[in-house]
């Protein structure tokens, strides 16, 4: 019999893989706080190597989420970074999805131990005390 459940609307599906990666999320967050930022300042703020930061910046730039401008400060080469309008929108959407996940988690428990949302098995194994009648689609396991 086919599964007739409605398509999932879980908030995790709204997370953007390009934005959600830890370093890229940090880059976008820092850039959202300033008009523009020097490469070296961002590198130092996040504790990254030049190569690591460069790789993440390339991904964000290719996605249109930030703008990279190269120039000089006096005689020294300098790279400035700026969040684009699309980058600001993507960051807001990511934060909204994370907030929905947090709200869902907070609403799932009435105290620290009792789930109130979809039935979730808190058992670590299928020992004799396991009541298979309480399993839901969230905790189904193939028979052993």
Protein backbone atom coordinates (compact mmCIF):
# COMPACT_ATOMS: atom_id res chain seq x y z
CA UNK A 1 0.00 0.00 0.00
CA UNK A 2 1.55 3.38 -0.98
CA UNK A 3 2.41 5.92 1.69
CA UNK A 4 -0.28 8.64 1.54
CA UNK A 5 1.29 11.05 4.01
CA UNK A 6 1.56 14.65 2.84
CA UNK A 7 5.00 15.80 1.69
CA UNK A 8 7.24 16.76 4.58
CA UNK A 9 7.35 20.38 5.59
CA UNK A 10 10.09 19.89 8.14
CA UNK A 11 11.99 23.16 8.66
CA UNK A 12 15.32 21.41 8.10
CA UNK A 13 14.41 21.14 4.42
CA UNK A 14 14.59 24.94 4.18
CA UNK A 15 18.27 24.97 5.16
CA UNK A 16 20.54 25.98 2.28
CA UNK A 17 23.62 23.75 2.01
CA UNK A 18 25.71 26.62 0.64
CA UNK A 19 24.84 28.91 3.55
CA UNK A 20 24.47 26.35 6.33
CA UNK A 21 28.08 25.14 6.37
CA UNK A 22 29.63 26.43 9.61
CA UNK A 23 32.39 28.62 8.15
CA UNK A 24 30.21 30.05 5.38
CA UNK A 25 27.46 30.87 7.87
CA UNK A 26 30.07 32.66 10.00
CA UNK A 27 31.36 34.59 6.96
CA UNK A 28 27.88 35.76 6.01
CA UNK A 29 27.11 36.69 9.60
CA UNK A 30 30.25 38.80 9.99
CA UNK A 31 29.68 40.49 6.62
CA UNK A 32 26.07 41.28 7.59
CA UNK A 33 27.38 43.34 10.51
CA UNK A 34 29.55 45.69 8.40
CA UNK A 35 29.39 47.55 5.09
CA UNK A 36 32.53 45.83 3.83
CA UNK A 37 35.41 43.92 5.36
CA UNK A 38 39.04 43.31 4.50
CA UNK A 39 40.03 39.71 3.79
CA UNK A 40 42.70 39.78 6.52
CA UNK A 41 40.25 41.08 9.14
CA UNK A 42 37.72 38.33 8.33
CA UNK A 43 40.46 35.68 8.32
CA UNK A 44 41.66 36.79 11.75
CA UNK A 45 38.14 37.13 13.17
CA UNK A 46 37.27 33.55 12.19
CA UNK A 47 40.71 32.02 12.85
CA UNK A 48 41.05 30.59 9.35
CA UNK A 49 43.99 30.10 7.02
CA UNK A 50 44.16 32.13 3.81
CA UNK A 51 43.50 29.03 1.71
CA UNK A 52 40.55 27.85 3.77
CA UNK A 53 38.90 31.27 3.77
CA UNK A 54 39.58 31.67 0.05
CA UNK A 55 37.84 28.38 -0.75
CA UNK A 56 34.70 29.33 1.17
CA UNK A 57 34.67 32.83 -0.31
CA UNK A 58 34.81 31.36 -3.81
CA UNK A 59 31.76 29.18 -3.11
CA UNK A 60 29.81 32.14 -1.71
CA UNK A 61 30.90 34.41 -4.56
CA UNK A 62 29.93 31.81 -7.19
CA UNK A 63 26.50 31.60 -5.54
CA UNK A 64 26.15 35.39 -5.77
CA UNK A 65 26.06 35.82 -2.00
CA UNK A 66 29.06 38.12 -1.67
CA UNK A 67 31.13 40.49 -3.76
CA UNK A 68 34.93 40.42 -3.80
CA UNK A 69 36.80 43.60 -4.76
CA UNK A 70 40.57 43.66 -5.15
CA UNK A 71 42.57 46.85 -4.97
CA UNK A 72 45.27 48.63 -3.01
CA UNK A 73 45.56 50.39 0.31
CA UNK A 74 48.48 52.64 -0.45
CA UNK A 75 50.94 50.30 -2.13
CA UNK A 76 49.69 47.15 -0.46
CA UNK A 77 47.26 44.84 -2.24
CA UNK A 78 43.97 44.43 -0.40
CA UNK A 79 40.80 42.39 -0.87
CA UNK A 80 37.46 43.75 0.34
CA UNK A 81 34.37 41.63 0.85
CA UNK A 82 30.77 42.76 0.84
CA UNK A 83 27.52 40.90 1.32
CA UNK A 84 25.21 41.18 -1.70
CA UNK A 85 21.46 41.72 -1.48
CA UNK A 86 21.05 38.05 -2.42
CA UNK A 87 23.48 37.10 0.36
CA UNK A 88 21.55 39.12 2.93
CA UNK A 89 18.31 37.44 1.80
CA UNK A 90 19.89 33.97 1.99
CA UNK A 91 21.22 34.67 5.49
CA UNK A 92 17.79 35.85 6.67
CA UNK A 93 16.16 32.72 5.21
CA UNK A 94 18.73 30.50 6.93
CA UNK A 95 18.18 32.19 10.29
CA UNK A 96 14.40 31.88 9.85
CA UNK A 97 14.73 28.13 9.13
CA UNK A 98 16.97 27.68 12.18
CA UNK A 99 14.47 29.58 14.34
CA UNK A 100 11.69 27.28 13.11
CA UNK A 101 13.81 24.25 14.04
CA UNK A 102 14.44 25.66 17.51
CA UNK A 103 10.74 26.48 17.96
CA UNK A 104 9.83 22.97 16.87
CA UNK A 105 12.31 21.47 19.31
CA UNK A 106 11.06 23.62 22.18
CA UNK A 107 7.48 22.68 21.35
CA UNK A 108 8.32 18.97 21.13
CA UNK A 109 8.94 18.59 24.85
CA UNK A 110 6.93 19.74 27.81
CA UNK A 111 9.84 19.05 30.13
CA UNK A 112 13.37 17.74 29.65
CA UNK A 113 12.33 14.11 29.17
CA UNK A 114 8.81 13.75 27.82
CA UNK A 115 8.10 14.17 24.10
CA UNK A 116 4.78 15.82 23.29
CA UNK A 117 5.10 15.93 19.49
CA UNK A 118 5.26 12.92 17.15
CA UNK A 119 6.02 9.73 19.02
CA UNK A 120 9.76 9.28 19.20
CA UNK A 121 11.41 6.20 20.62
CA UNK A 122 13.84 7.11 23.37
CA UNK A 123 15.06 3.52 23.69
CA UNK A 124 18.66 2.85 22.75
CA UNK A 125 18.05 -0.77 21.80
CA UNK A 126 15.26 -3.26 21.15
CA UNK A 127 15.55 -4.98 24.53
CA UNK A 128 12.68 -7.01 26.01
CA UNK A 129 11.17 -3.89 27.59
CA UNK A 130 10.74 -2.29 24.15
CA UNK A 131 7.09 -1.86 23.20
CA UNK A 132 7.00 -2.05 19.41
CA UNK A 133 3.39 -0.87 19.43
CA UNK A 134 4.46 2.68 20.29
CA UNK A 135 6.84 3.09 17.40
CA UNK A 136 6.00 5.67 14.79
CA UNK A 137 7.45 6.54 11.43
CA UNK A 138 10.14 8.46 13.34
CA UNK A 139 11.52 5.42 15.09
CA UNK A 140 10.79 2.49 12.80
CA UNK A 141 13.59 -0.03 12.47
CA UNK A 142 13.80 -3.15 10.35
CA UNK A 143 13.22 -6.38 12.30
CA UNK A 144 16.33 -8.15 13.52
